[in-house]
Amino acid sequence: QVAVYFATAKTLALVHFVYFAVKAGVSQRYAQLIHDGSKQE
């Protein structure tokens, strides 16, 4: 049962990839806008 669940859960990596890809690209921009940009930006 552990093997079935593990394989099923790891199939979600295809969906998780989107979140991790966006996260890796936006953090620096968040910091820049928080310190140098406007709230609207």
PDB file of all heavy atoms in Angstrom:
ATOM      1  N   GLN A   1       0.820  -1.204   0.000  1.00  0.00           N
ATOM      2  CA  GLN A   1       0.000   0.000   0.000  1.00  0.00           C
ATOM      3  C   GLN A   1       0.862   1.265   0.000  1.00  0.00           C
ATOM      4  O   GLN A   1       0.521   2.261  -0.635  1.00  0.00           O
ATOM      5  CB  GLN A   1      -0.921   0.001   1.223  1.00  0.00           C
ATOM      6  CG  GLN A   1      -1.967  -1.094   1.213  1.00  0.00           C
ATOM      7  CD  GLN A   1      -3.022  -0.823   0.157  1.00  0.00           C
ATOM      8  OE1 GLN A   1      -3.798   0.110   0.265  1.00  0.00           O
ATOM      9  NE2 GLN A   1      -3.028  -1.650  -0.887  1.00  0.00           N
ATOM     10  N   VAL A   2       1.977   1.213   0.722  1.00  0.00           N
ATOM     11  CA  VAL A   2       2.908   2.341   0.738  1.00  0.00           C
ATOM     12  C   VAL A   2       3.449   2.600  -0.668  1.00  0.00           C
ATOM     13  O   VAL A   2       3.546   3.742  -1.119  1.00  0.00           O
ATOM     14  CB  VAL A   2       4.070   2.080   1.715  1.00  0.00           C
ATOM     15  CG1 VAL A   2       5.038   3.265   1.719  1.00  0.00           C
ATOM     16  CG2 VAL A   2       3.555   1.843   3.121  1.00  0.00           C
ATOM     17  N   ALA A   3       3.778   1.531  -1.368  1.00  0.00           N
ATOM     18  CA  ALA A   3       4.319   1.673  -2.723  1.00  0.00           C
ATOM     19  C   ALA A   3       3.302   2.316  -3.657  1.00  0.00           C
ATOM     20  O   ALA A   3       3.641   3.209  -4.452  1.00  0.00           O
ATOM     21  CB  ALA A   3       4.733   0.304  -3.257  1.00  0.00           C
ATOM     22  N   VAL A   4       2.044   1.898  -3.558  1.00  0.00           N
ATOM     23  CA  VAL A   4       0.997   2.473  -4.406  1.00  0.00           C
ATOM     24  C   VAL A   4       0.823   3.961  -4.110  1.00  0.00           C
ATOM     25  O   VAL A   4       0.755   4.793  -5.031  1.00  0.00           O
ATOM     26  CB  VAL A   4      -0.339   1.722  -4.200  1.00  0.00           C
ATOM     27  CG1 VAL A   4      -1.483   2.464  -4.891  1.00  0.00           C
ATOM     28  CG2 VAL A   4      -0.238   0.304  -4.730  1.00  0.00           C
ATOM     29  N   TYR A   5       0.776   4.298  -2.828  1.00  0.00           N
ATOM     30  CA  TYR A   5       0.575   5.713  -2.474  1.00  0.00           C
ATOM     31  C   TYR A   5       1.780   6.556  -2.869  1.00  0.00           C
ATOM     32  O   TYR A   5       1.625   7.680  -3.356  1.00  0.00           O
ATOM     33  CB  TYR A   5       0.304   5.852  -0.976  1.00  0.00           C
ATOM     34  CG  TYR A   5      -0.080   7.263  -0.588  1.00  0.00           C
ATOM     35  CD1 TYR A   5      -1.380   7.718  -0.790  1.00  0.00           C
ATOM     36  CD2 TYR A   5       0.858   8.158  -0.075  1.00  0.00           C
ATOM     37  CE1 TYR A   5      -1.740   9.019  -0.461  1.00  0.00           C
ATOM     38  CE2 TYR A   5       0.511   9.463   0.245  1.00  0.00           C
ATOM     39  CZ  TYR A   5      -0.790   9.877   0.053  1.00  0.00           C
ATOM     40  OH  TYR A   5      -1.139  11.168   0.358  1.00  0.00           O
ATOM     41  N   PHE A   6       2.977   6.027  -2.656  1.00  0.00           N
ATOM     42  CA  PHE A   6       4.191   6.780  -2.989  1.00  0.00           C
ATOM     43  C   PHE A   6       4.233   7.085  -4.484  1.00  0.00           C
ATOM     44  O   PHE A   6       4.510   8.219  -4.900  1.00  0.00           O
ATOM     45  CB  PHE A   6       5.429   5.990  -2.570  1.00  0.00           C
ATOM     46  CG  PHE A   6       6.716   6.688  -2.858  1.00  0.00           C
ATOM     47  CD1 PHE A   6       7.186   7.677  -2.019  1.00  0.00           C
ATOM     48  CD2 PHE A   6       7.470   6.367  -3.975  1.00  0.00           C
ATOM     49  CE1 PHE A   6       8.383   8.336  -2.279  1.00  0.00           C
ATOM     50  CE2 PHE A   6       8.668   7.016  -4.251  1.00  0.00           C
ATOM     51  CZ  PHE A   6       9.117   8.002  -3.398  1.00  0.00           C
ATOM     52  N   ALA A   7       3.963   6.083  -5.299  1.00  0.00           N
ATOM     53  CA  ALA A   7       3.980   6.294  -6.747  1.00  0.00           C
ATOM     54  C   ALA A   7       2.907   7.295  -7.163  1.00  0.00           C
ATOM     55  O   ALA A   7       3.136   8.158  -8.020  1.00  0.00           O
ATOM     56  CB  ALA A   7       3.760   4.961  -7.462  1.00  0.00           C
ATOM     57  N   THR A   8       1.729   7.203  -6.538  1.00  0.00           N
ATOM     58  CA  THR A   8       0.646   8.128  -6.873  1.00  0.00           C
ATOM     59  C   THR A   8       0.998   9.552  -6.477  1.00  0.00           C
ATOM     60  O   THR A   8       0.795  10.504  -7.244  1.00  0.00           O
ATOM     61  CB  THR A   8      -0.649   7.696  -6.158  1.00  0.00           C
ATOM     62  OG1 THR A   8      -0.936   6.336  -6.484  1.00  0.00           O
ATOM     63  CG2 THR A   8      -1.812   8.578  -6.579  1.00  0.00           C
ATOM     64  N   ALA A   9       1.539   9.716  -5.258  1.00  0.00           N
ATOM     65  CA  ALA A   9       1.885  11.052  -4.771  1.00  0.00           C
ATOM     66  C   ALA A   9       3.001  11.672  -5.606  1.00  0.00           C
ATOM     67  O   ALA A   9       2.975  12.884  -5.892  1.00  0.00           O
ATOM     68  CB  ALA A   9       2.300  10.978  -3.308  1.00  0.00           C
ATOM     69  N   LYS A  10       3.962  10.874  -6.018  1.00  0.00           N
ATOM     70  CA  LYS A  10       5.077  11.413  -6.780  1.00  0.00           C
ATOM     71  C   LYS A  10       4.685  11.755  -8.213  1.00  0.00           C
ATOM     72  O   LYS A  10       5.386  12.514  -8.885  1.00  0.00           O
ATOM     73  CB  LYS A  10       6.256  10.431  -6.773  1.00  0.00           C
ATOM     74  CG  LYS A  10       6.889  10.265  -5.397  1.00  0.00           C
ATOM     75  CD  LYS A  10       7.227  11.616  -4.774  1.00  0.00           C
ATOM     76  CE  LYS A  10       7.729  11.506  -3.354  1.00  0.00           C
ATOM     77  NZ  LYS A  10       7.952  12.826  -2.723  1.00  0.00           N
ATOM     78  N   THR A  11       3.579  11.194  -8.691  1.00  0.00           N
ATOM     79  CA  THR A  11       3.072  11.598  -9.999  1.00  0.00           C
ATOM     80  C   THR A  11       2.684  13.072  -9.999  1.00  0.00           C
ATOM     81  O   THR A  11       2.696  13.742 -11.041  1.00  0.00           O
ATOM     82  CB  THR A  11       1.867  10.725 -10.391  1.00  0.00           C
ATOM     83  OG1 THR A  11       2.243   9.346 -10.333  1.00  0.00           O
ATOM     84  CG2 THR A  11       1.376  11.042 -11.785  1.00  0.00           C
ATOM     85  N   LEU A  12       2.387  13.596  -8.797  1.00  0.00           N
ATOM     86  CA  LEU A  12       2.035  15.012  -8.672  1.00  0.00           C
ATOM     87  C   LEU A  12       3.211  15.942  -8.948  1.00  0.00           C
ATOM     88  O   LEU A  12       3.019  17.157  -9.029  1.00  0.00           O
ATOM     89  CB  LEU A  12       1.514  15.300  -7.264  1.00  0.00           C
ATOM     90  CG  LEU A  12       0.157  14.703  -6.872  1.00  0.00           C
ATOM     91  CD1 LEU A  12      -0.115  14.966  -5.414  1.00  0.00           C
ATOM     92  CD2 LEU A  12      -0.937  15.276  -7.742  1.00  0.00           C
ATOM     93  N   ALA A  13       4.412  15.395  -9.061  1.00  0.00           N
ATOM     94  CA  ALA A  13       5.578  16.246  -9.323  1.00  0.00           C
ATOM     95  C   ALA A  13       5.388  17.077 -10.585  1.00  0.00           C
ATOM     96  O   ALA A  13       5.904  18.200 -10.689  1.00  0.00           O
ATOM     97  CB  ALA A  13       6.839  15.392  -9.433  1.00  0.00           C
ATOM     98  N   LEU A  14       4.634  16.554 -11.540  1.00  0.00           N
ATOM     99  CA  LEU A  14       4.373  17.300 -12.770  1.00  0.00           C
ATOM    100  C   LEU A  14       3.573  18.567 -12.494  1.00  0.00           C
ATOM    101  O   LEU A  14       3.715  19.570 -13.201  1.00  0.00           O
ATOM    102  CB  LEU A  14       3.612  16.407 -13.763  1.00  0.00           C
ATOM    103  CG  LEU A  14       4.362  15.166 -14.268  1.00  0.00           C
ATOM    104  CD1 LEU A  14       3.419  14.283 -15.076  1.00  0.00           C
ATOM    105  CD2 LEU A  14       5.565  15.574 -15.106  1.00  0.00           C
ATOM    106  N   VAL A  15       2.729  18.528 -11.463  1.00  0.00           N
ATOM    107  CA  VAL A  15       1.950  19.708 -11.089  1.00  0.00           C
ATOM    108  C   VAL A  15       2.767  20.609 -10.160  1.00  0.00           C
ATOM    109  O   VAL A  15       2.761  21.837 -10.298  1.00  0.00           O
ATOM    110  CB  VAL A  15       0.626  19.298 -10.405  1.00  0.00           C
ATOM    111  CG1 VAL A  15      -0.255  20.513 -10.152  1.00  0.00           C
ATOM    112  CG2 VAL A  15      -0.111  18.268 -11.243  1.00  0.00           C
ATOM    113  N   HIS A  16       3.467  20.012  -9.202  1.00  0.00           N
ATOM    114  CA  HIS A  16       4.299  20.781  -8.266  1.00  0.00           C
ATOM    115  C   HIS A  16       5.357  21.604  -8.997  1.00  0.00           C
ATOM    116  O   HIS A  16       5.768  22.664  -8.514  1.00  0.00           O
ATOM    117  CB  HIS A  16       5.005  19.845  -7.278  1.00  0.00           C
ATOM    118  CG  HIS A  16       4.133  19.385  -6.162  1.00  0.00           C
ATOM    119  ND1 HIS A  16       3.543  20.249  -5.261  1.00  0.00           N
ATOM    120  CD2 HIS A  16       3.751  18.138  -5.789  1.00  0.00           C
ATOM    121  CE1 HIS A  16       2.842  19.565  -4.383  1.00  0.00           C
ATOM    122  NE2 HIS A  16       2.944  18.280  -4.674  1.00  0.00           N
ATOM    123  N   PHE A  17       5.812  21.105 -10.140  1.00  0.00           N
ATOM    124  CA  PHE A  17       6.901  21.775 -10.856  1.00  0.00           C
ATOM    125  C   PHE A  17       6.562  23.224 -11.172  1.00  0.00           C
ATOM    126  O   PHE A  17       7.428  24.099 -11.116  1.00  0.00           O
ATOM    127  CB  PHE A  17       7.214  21.004 -12.147  1.00  0.00           C
ATOM    128  CG  PHE A  17       8.203  21.701 -13.038  1.00  0.00           C
ATOM    129  CD1 PHE A  17       9.560  21.660 -12.747  1.00  0.00           C
ATOM    130  CD2 PHE A  17       7.788  22.415 -14.154  1.00  0.00           C
ATOM    131  CE1 PHE A  17      10.482  22.316 -13.560  1.00  0.00           C
ATOM    132  CE2 PHE A  17       8.699  23.074 -14.959  1.00  0.00           C
ATOM    133  CZ  PHE A  17      10.043  23.013 -14.668  1.00  0.00           C
ATOM    134  N   VAL A  18       5.299  23.492 -11.507  1.00  0.00           N
ATOM    135  CA  VAL A  18       4.897  24.858 -11.856  1.00  0.00           C
ATOM    136  C   VAL A  18       5.137  25.790 -10.678  1.00  0.00           C
ATOM    137  O   VAL A  18       5.721  26.872 -10.812  1.00  0.00           O
ATOM    138  CB  VAL A  18       3.414  24.888 -12.271  1.00  0.00           C
ATOM    139  CG1 VAL A  18       2.980  26.326 -12.552  1.00  0.00           C
ATOM    140  CG2 VAL A  18       3.184  24.007 -13.476  1.00  0.00           C
ATOM    141  N   TYR A  19       4.675  25.380  -9.493  1.00  0.00           N
ATOM    142  CA  TYR A  19       4.830  26.205  -8.292  1.00  0.00           C
ATOM    143  C   TYR A  19       6.303  26.479  -7.990  1.00  0.00           C
ATOM    144  O   TYR A  19       6.694  27.628  -7.743  1.00  0.00           O
ATOM    145  CB  TYR A  19       4.163  25.504  -7.114  1.00  0.00           C
ATOM    146  CG  TYR A  19       4.630  25.976  -5.764  1.00  0.00           C
ATOM    147  CD1 TYR A  19       4.200  27.197  -5.234  1.00  0.00           C
ATOM    148  CD2 TYR A  19       5.509  25.207  -5.004  1.00  0.00           C
ATOM    149  CE1 TYR A  19       4.642  27.629  -3.994  1.00  0.00           C
ATOM    150  CE2 TYR A  19       5.939  25.632  -3.769  1.00  0.00           C
ATOM    151  CZ  TYR A  19       5.501  26.845  -3.271  1.00  0.00           C
ATOM    152  OH  TYR A  19       5.951  27.265  -2.054  1.00  0.00           O
ATOM    153  N   PHE A  20       7.129  25.451  -8.022  1.00  0.00           N
ATOM    154  CA  PHE A  20       8.544  25.639  -7.708  1.00  0.00           C
ATOM    155  C   PHE A  20       9.250  26.485  -8.761  1.00  0.00           C
ATOM    156  O   PHE A  20      10.165  27.257  -8.439  1.00  0.00           O
ATOM    157  CB  PHE A  20       9.235  24.280  -7.560  1.00  0.00           C
ATOM    158  CG  PHE A  20       8.912  23.570  -6.287  1.00  0.00           C
ATOM    159  CD1 PHE A  20       8.098  22.460  -6.276  1.00  0.00           C
ATOM    160  CD2 PHE A  20       9.408  24.044  -5.072  1.00  0.00           C
ATOM    161  CE1 PHE A  20       7.789  21.808  -5.085  1.00  0.00           C
ATOM    162  CE2 PHE A  20       9.098  23.400  -3.872  1.00  0.00           C
ATOM    163  CZ  PHE A  20       8.286  22.282  -3.889  1.00  0.00           C
ATOM    164  N   ALA A  21       8.839  26.359 -10.023  1.00  0.00           N
ATOM    165  CA  ALA A  21       9.453  27.167 -11.077  1.00  0.00           C
ATOM    166  C   ALA A  21       9.127  28.643 -10.891  1.00  0.00           C
ATOM    167  O   ALA A  21      10.010  29.509 -10.992  1.00  0.00           O
ATOM    168  CB  ALA A  21       8.971  26.683 -12.441  1.00  0.00           C
ATOM    169  N   VAL A  22       7.856  28.955 -10.598  1.00  0.00           N
ATOM    170  CA  VAL A  22       7.464  30.348 -10.387  1.00  0.00           C
ATOM    171  C   VAL A  22       8.135  30.892  -9.120  1.00  0.00           C
ATOM    172  O   VAL A  22       8.629  32.028  -9.109  1.00  0.00           O
ATOM    173  CB  VAL A  22       5.929  30.478 -10.290  1.00  0.00           C
ATOM    174  CG1 VAL A  22       5.529  31.904  -9.934  1.00  0.00           C
ATOM    175  CG2 VAL A  22       5.285  30.054 -11.595  1.00  0.00           C
ATOM    176  N   LYS A  23       8.149  30.099  -8.076  1.00  0.00           N
ATOM    177  CA  LYS A  23       8.764  30.527  -6.815  1.00  0.00           C
ATOM    178  C   LYS A  23      10.225  30.907  -7.009  1.00  0.00           C
ATOM    179  O   LYS A  23      10.698  31.910  -6.462  1.00  0.00           O
ATOM    180  CB  LYS A  23       8.642  29.408  -5.781  1.00  0.00           C
ATOM    181  CG  LYS A  23       9.295  29.716  -4.450  1.00  0.00           C
ATOM    182  CD  LYS A  23       9.166  28.540  -3.495  1.00  0.00           C
ATOM    183  CE  LYS A  23       9.878  28.819  -2.187  1.00  0.00           C
ATOM    184  NZ  LYS A  23       9.761  27.691  -1.229  1.00  0.00           N
ATOM    185  N   ALA A  24      10.947  30.117  -7.795  1.00  0.00           N
ATOM    186  CA  ALA A  24      12.368  30.393  -8.016  1.00  0.00           C
ATOM    187  C   ALA A  24      12.587  31.689  -8.773  1.00  0.00           C
ATOM    188  O   ALA A  24      13.635  32.329  -8.629  1.00  0.00           O
ATOM    189  CB  ALA A  24      13.003  29.232  -8.788  1.00  0.00           C
ATOM    190  N   GLY A  25      11.592  32.108  -9.568  1.00  0.00           N
ATOM    191  CA  GLY A  25      11.790  33.278 -10.401  1.00  0.00           C
ATOM    192  C   GLY A  25      11.282  34.589  -9.842  1.00  0.00           C
ATOM    193  O   GLY A  25      11.664  35.654 -10.338  1.00  0.00           O
ATOM    194  N   VAL A  26      10.406  34.546  -8.813  1.00  0.00           N
ATOM    195  CA  VAL A  26       9.756  35.785  -8.387  1.00  0.00           C
ATOM    196  C   VAL A  26      10.297  36.359  -7.082  1.00  0.00           C
ATOM    197  O   VAL A  26      10.044  37.538  -6.778  1.00  0.00           O
ATOM    198  CB  VAL A  26       8.231  35.582  -8.237  1.00  0.00           C
ATOM    199  CG1 VAL A  26       7.615  35.115  -9.540  1.00  0.00           C
ATOM    200  CG2 VAL A  26       7.904  34.607  -7.110  1.00  0.00           C
ATOM    201  N   SER A  27      11.019  35.580  -6.299  1.00  0.00           N
ATOM    202  CA  SER A  27      11.436  36.051  -4.969  1.00  0.00           C
ATOM    203  C   SER A  27      12.262  37.328  -5.042  1.00  0.00           C
ATOM    204  O   SER A  27      12.031  38.286  -4.293  1.00  0.00           O
ATOM    205  CB  SER A  27      12.225  34.953  -4.254  1.00  0.00           C
ATOM    206  OG  SER A  27      11.419  33.829  -4.013  1.00  0.00           O
ATOM    207  N   GLN A  28      13.237  37.363  -5.950  1.00  0.00           N
ATOM    208  CA  GLN A  28      14.082  38.549  -6.070  1.00  0.00           C
ATOM    209  C   GLN A  28      13.266  39.763  -6.501  1.00  0.00           C
ATOM    210  O   GLN A  28      13.502  40.881  -6.048  1.00  0.00           O
ATOM    211  CB  GLN A  28      15.223  38.288  -7.067  1.00  0.00           C
ATOM    212  CG  GLN A  28      16.181  37.195  -6.644  1.00  0.00           C
ATOM    213  CD  GLN A  28      15.735  35.816  -7.078  1.00  0.00           C
ATOM    214  OE1 GLN A  28      14.592  35.615  -7.454  1.00  0.00           O
ATOM    215  NE2 GLN A  28      16.651  34.860  -7.028  1.00  0.00           N
ATOM    216  N   ARG A  29      12.296  39.518  -7.387  1.00  0.00           N
ATOM    217  CA  ARG A  29      11.452  40.630  -7.848  1.00  0.00           C
ATOM    218  C   ARG A  29      10.565  41.131  -6.713  1.00  0.00           C
ATOM    219  O   ARG A  29      10.326  42.341  -6.592  1.00  0.00           O
ATOM    220  CB  ARG A  29      10.610  40.151  -9.030  1.00  0.00           C
ATOM    221  CG  ARG A  29       9.708  41.227  -9.643  1.00  0.00           C
ATOM    222  CD  ARG A  29      10.504  42.382 -10.215  1.00  0.00           C
ATOM    223  NE  ARG A  29       9.633  43.324 -10.902  1.00  0.00           N
ATOM    224  CZ  ARG A  29       9.980  44.568 -11.214  1.00  0.00           C
ATOM    225  NH1 ARG A  29      11.179  45.022 -10.879  1.00  0.00           N
ATOM    226  NH2 ARG A  29       9.140  45.353 -11.840  1.00  0.00           N
ATOM    227  N   TYR A  30      10.068  40.226  -5.877  1.00  0.00           N
ATOM    228  CA  TYR A  30       9.307  40.641  -4.696  1.00  0.00           C
ATOM    229  C   TYR A  30      10.145  41.596  -3.845  1.00  0.00           C
ATOM    230  O   TYR A  30       9.678  42.662  -3.437  1.00  0.00           O
ATOM    231  CB  TYR A  30       8.924  39.429  -3.847  1.00  0.00           C
ATOM    232  CG  TYR A  30       7.759  38.622  -4.362  1.00  0.00           C
ATOM    233  CD1 TYR A  30       7.587  37.300  -3.960  1.00  0.00           C
ATOM    234  CD2 TYR A  30       6.824  39.172  -5.227  1.00  0.00           C
ATOM    235  CE1 TYR A  30       6.513  36.549  -4.413  1.00  0.00           C
ATOM    236  CE2 TYR A  30       5.755  38.415  -5.694  1.00  0.00           C
ATOM    237  CZ  TYR A  30       5.607  37.105  -5.274  1.00  0.00           C
ATOM    238  OH  TYR A  30       4.546  36.369  -5.713  1.00  0.00           O
ATOM    239  N   ALA A  31      11.375  41.188  -3.562  1.00  0.00           N
ATOM    240  CA  ALA A  31      12.243  41.998  -2.707  1.00  0.00           C
ATOM    241  C   ALA A  31      12.496  43.368  -3.323  1.00  0.00           C
ATOM    242  O   ALA A  31      12.468  44.390  -2.626  1.00  0.00           O
ATOM    243  CB  ALA A  31      13.566  41.263  -2.473  1.00  0.00           C
ATOM    244  N   GLN A  32      12.731  43.393  -4.625  1.00  0.00           N
ATOM    245  CA  GLN A  32      13.001  44.666  -5.298  1.00  0.00           C
ATOM    246  C   GLN A  32      11.800  45.598  -5.217  1.00  0.00           C
ATOM    247  O   GLN A  32      11.938  46.790  -4.903  1.00  0.00           O
ATOM    248  CB  GLN A  32      13.369  44.408  -6.753  1.00  0.00           C
ATOM    249  CG  GLN A  32      13.670  45.684  -7.542  1.00  0.00           C
ATOM    250  CD  GLN A  32      13.923  45.396  -9.007  1.00  0.00           C
ATOM    251  OE1 GLN A  32      13.697  44.284  -9.476  1.00  0.00           O
ATOM    252  NE2 GLN A  32      14.386  46.399  -9.736  1.00  0.00           N
ATOM    253  N   LEU A  33      10.607  45.070  -5.476  1.00  0.00           N
ATOM    254  CA  LEU A  33       9.406  45.909  -5.467  1.00  0.00           C
ATOM    255  C   LEU A  33       9.032  46.346  -4.052  1.00  0.00           C
ATOM    256  O   LEU A  33       8.522  47.458  -3.857  1.00  0.00           O
ATOM    257  CB  LEU A  33       8.236  45.152  -6.101  1.00  0.00           C
ATOM    258  CG  LEU A  33       8.335  44.923  -7.614  1.00  0.00           C
ATOM    259  CD1 LEU A  33       7.204  44.045  -8.109  1.00  0.00           C
ATOM    260  CD2 LEU A  33       8.353  46.255  -8.356  1.00  0.00           C
ATOM    261  N   ILE A  34       9.275  45.501  -3.071  1.00  0.00           N
ATOM    262  CA  ILE A  34       8.969  45.864  -1.682  1.00  0.00           C
ATOM    263  C   ILE A  34       9.817  47.049  -1.234  1.00  0.00           C
ATOM    264  O   ILE A  34       9.343  47.954  -0.538  1.00  0.00           O
ATOM    265  CB  ILE A  34       9.184  44.655  -0.752  1.00  0.00           C
ATOM    266  CG1 ILE A  34       8.064  43.624  -0.974  1.00  0.00           C
ATOM    267  CG2 ILE A  34       9.209  45.076   0.721  1.00  0.00           C
ATOM    268  CD1 ILE A  34       8.323  42.295  -0.333  1.00  0.00           C
ATOM    269  N   HIS A  35      11.069  47.085  -1.659  1.00  0.00           N
ATOM    270  CA  HIS A  35      11.994  48.119  -1.190  1.00  0.00           C
ATOM    271  C   HIS A  35      12.081  49.326  -2.123  1.00  0.00           C
ATOM    272  O   HIS A  35      12.354  50.437  -1.672  1.00  0.00           O
ATOM    273  CB  HIS A  35      13.382  47.521  -0.979  1.00  0.00           C
ATOM    274  CG  HIS A  35      13.437  46.513   0.122  1.00  0.00           C
ATOM    275  ND1 HIS A  35      13.395  46.856   1.461  1.00  0.00           N
ATOM    276  CD2 HIS A  35      13.494  45.160   0.095  1.00  0.00           C
ATOM    277  CE1 HIS A  35      13.444  45.769   2.205  1.00  0.00           C
ATOM    278  NE2 HIS A  35      13.512  44.729   1.402  1.00  0.00           N
ATOM    279  N   ASP A  36      11.841  49.106  -3.422  1.00  0.00           N
ATOM    280  CA  ASP A  36      12.045  50.198  -4.374  1.00  0.00           C
ATOM    281  C   ASP A  36      10.809  50.573  -5.176  1.00  0.00           C
ATOM    282  O   ASP A  36      10.791  51.634  -5.803  1.00  0.00           O
ATOM    283  CB  ASP A  36      13.164  49.835  -5.370  1.00  0.00           C
ATOM    284  CG  ASP A  36      14.490  49.604  -4.681  1.00  0.00           C
ATOM    285  OD1 ASP A  36      14.739  50.272  -3.652  1.00  0.00           O
ATOM    286  OD2 ASP A  36      15.267  48.759  -5.153  1.00  0.00           O
ATOM    287  N   GLY A  37       9.798  49.731  -5.190  1.00  0.00           N
ATOM    288  CA  GLY A  37       8.639  49.995  -6.028  1.00  0.00           C
ATOM    289  C   GLY A  37       7.450  50.514  -5.240  1.00  0.00           C
ATOM    290  O   GLY A  37       7.503  50.691  -4.020  1.00  0.00           O
ATOM    291  N   SER A  38       6.360  50.761  -5.942  1.00  0.00           N
ATOM    292  CA  SER A  38       5.121  51.213  -5.305  1.00  0.00           C
ATOM    293  C   SER A  38       4.284  50.007  -4.915  1.00  0.00           C
ATOM    294  O   SER A  38       4.496  48.886  -5.400  1.00  0.00           O
ATOM    295  CB  SER A  38       4.335  52.108  -6.263  1.00  0.00           C
ATOM    296  OG  SER A  38       3.890  51.353  -7.388  1.00  0.00           O
ATOM    297  N   LYS A  39       3.292  50.250  -4.059  1.00  0.00           N
ATOM    298  CA  LYS A  39       2.414  49.159  -3.657  1.00  0.00           C
ATOM    299  C   LYS A  39       1.615  48.651  -4.836  1.00  0.00           C
ATOM    300  O   LYS A  39       1.329  47.445  -4.940  1.00  0.00           O
ATOM    301  CB  LYS A  39       1.471  49.622  -2.539  1.00  0.00           C
ATOM    302  CG  LYS A  39       0.566  48.505  -2.040  1.00  0.00           C
ATOM    303  CD  LYS A  39      -0.347  48.952  -0.922  1.00  0.00           C
ATOM    304  CE  LYS A  39      -1.265  47.808  -0.500  1.00  0.00           C
ATOM    305  NZ  LYS A  39      -2.189  48.187   0.588  1.00  0.00           N
ATOM    306  N   GLN A  40       1.232  49.548  -5.754  1.00  0.00           N
ATOM    307  CA  GLN A  40       0.474  49.129  -6.920  1.00  0.00           C
ATOM    308  C   GLN A  40       1.286  48.177  -7.795  1.00  0.00           C
ATOM    309  O   GLN A  40       0.769  47.181  -8.298  1.00  0.00           O
ATOM    310  CB  GLN A  40       0.044  50.359  -7.738  1.00  0.00           C
ATOM    311  CG  GLN A  40      -1.032  51.217  -7.096  1.00  0.00           C
ATOM    312  CD  GLN A  40      -0.488  52.067  -5.938  1.00  0.00           C
ATOM    313  OE1 GLN A  40       0.737  52.275  -5.835  1.00  0.00           O
ATOM    314  NE2 GLN A  40      -1.376  52.568  -5.096  1.00  0.00           N
ATOM    315  N   GLU A  41       2.572  48.496  -7.977  1.00  0.00           N
ATOM    316  CA  GLU A  41       3.439  47.610  -8.756  1.00  0.00           C
ATOM    317  C   GLU A  41       3.586  46.253  -8.086  1.00  0.00           C
ATOM    318  O   GLU A  41       3.535  45.208  -8.738  1.00  0.00           O
ATOM    319  CB  GLU A  41       4.813  48.252  -8.937  1.00  0.00           C
ATOM    320  CG  GLU A  41       4.859  49.437  -9.872  1.00  0.00           C
ATOM    321  CD  GLU A  41       6.256  50.022  -9.959  1.00  0.00           C
ATOM    322  OE1 GLU A  41       6.822  50.390  -8.915  1.00  0.00           O
ATOM    323  OE2 GLU A  41       6.787  50.087 -11.088  1.00  0.00           O
TER     324      GLU A  41
END
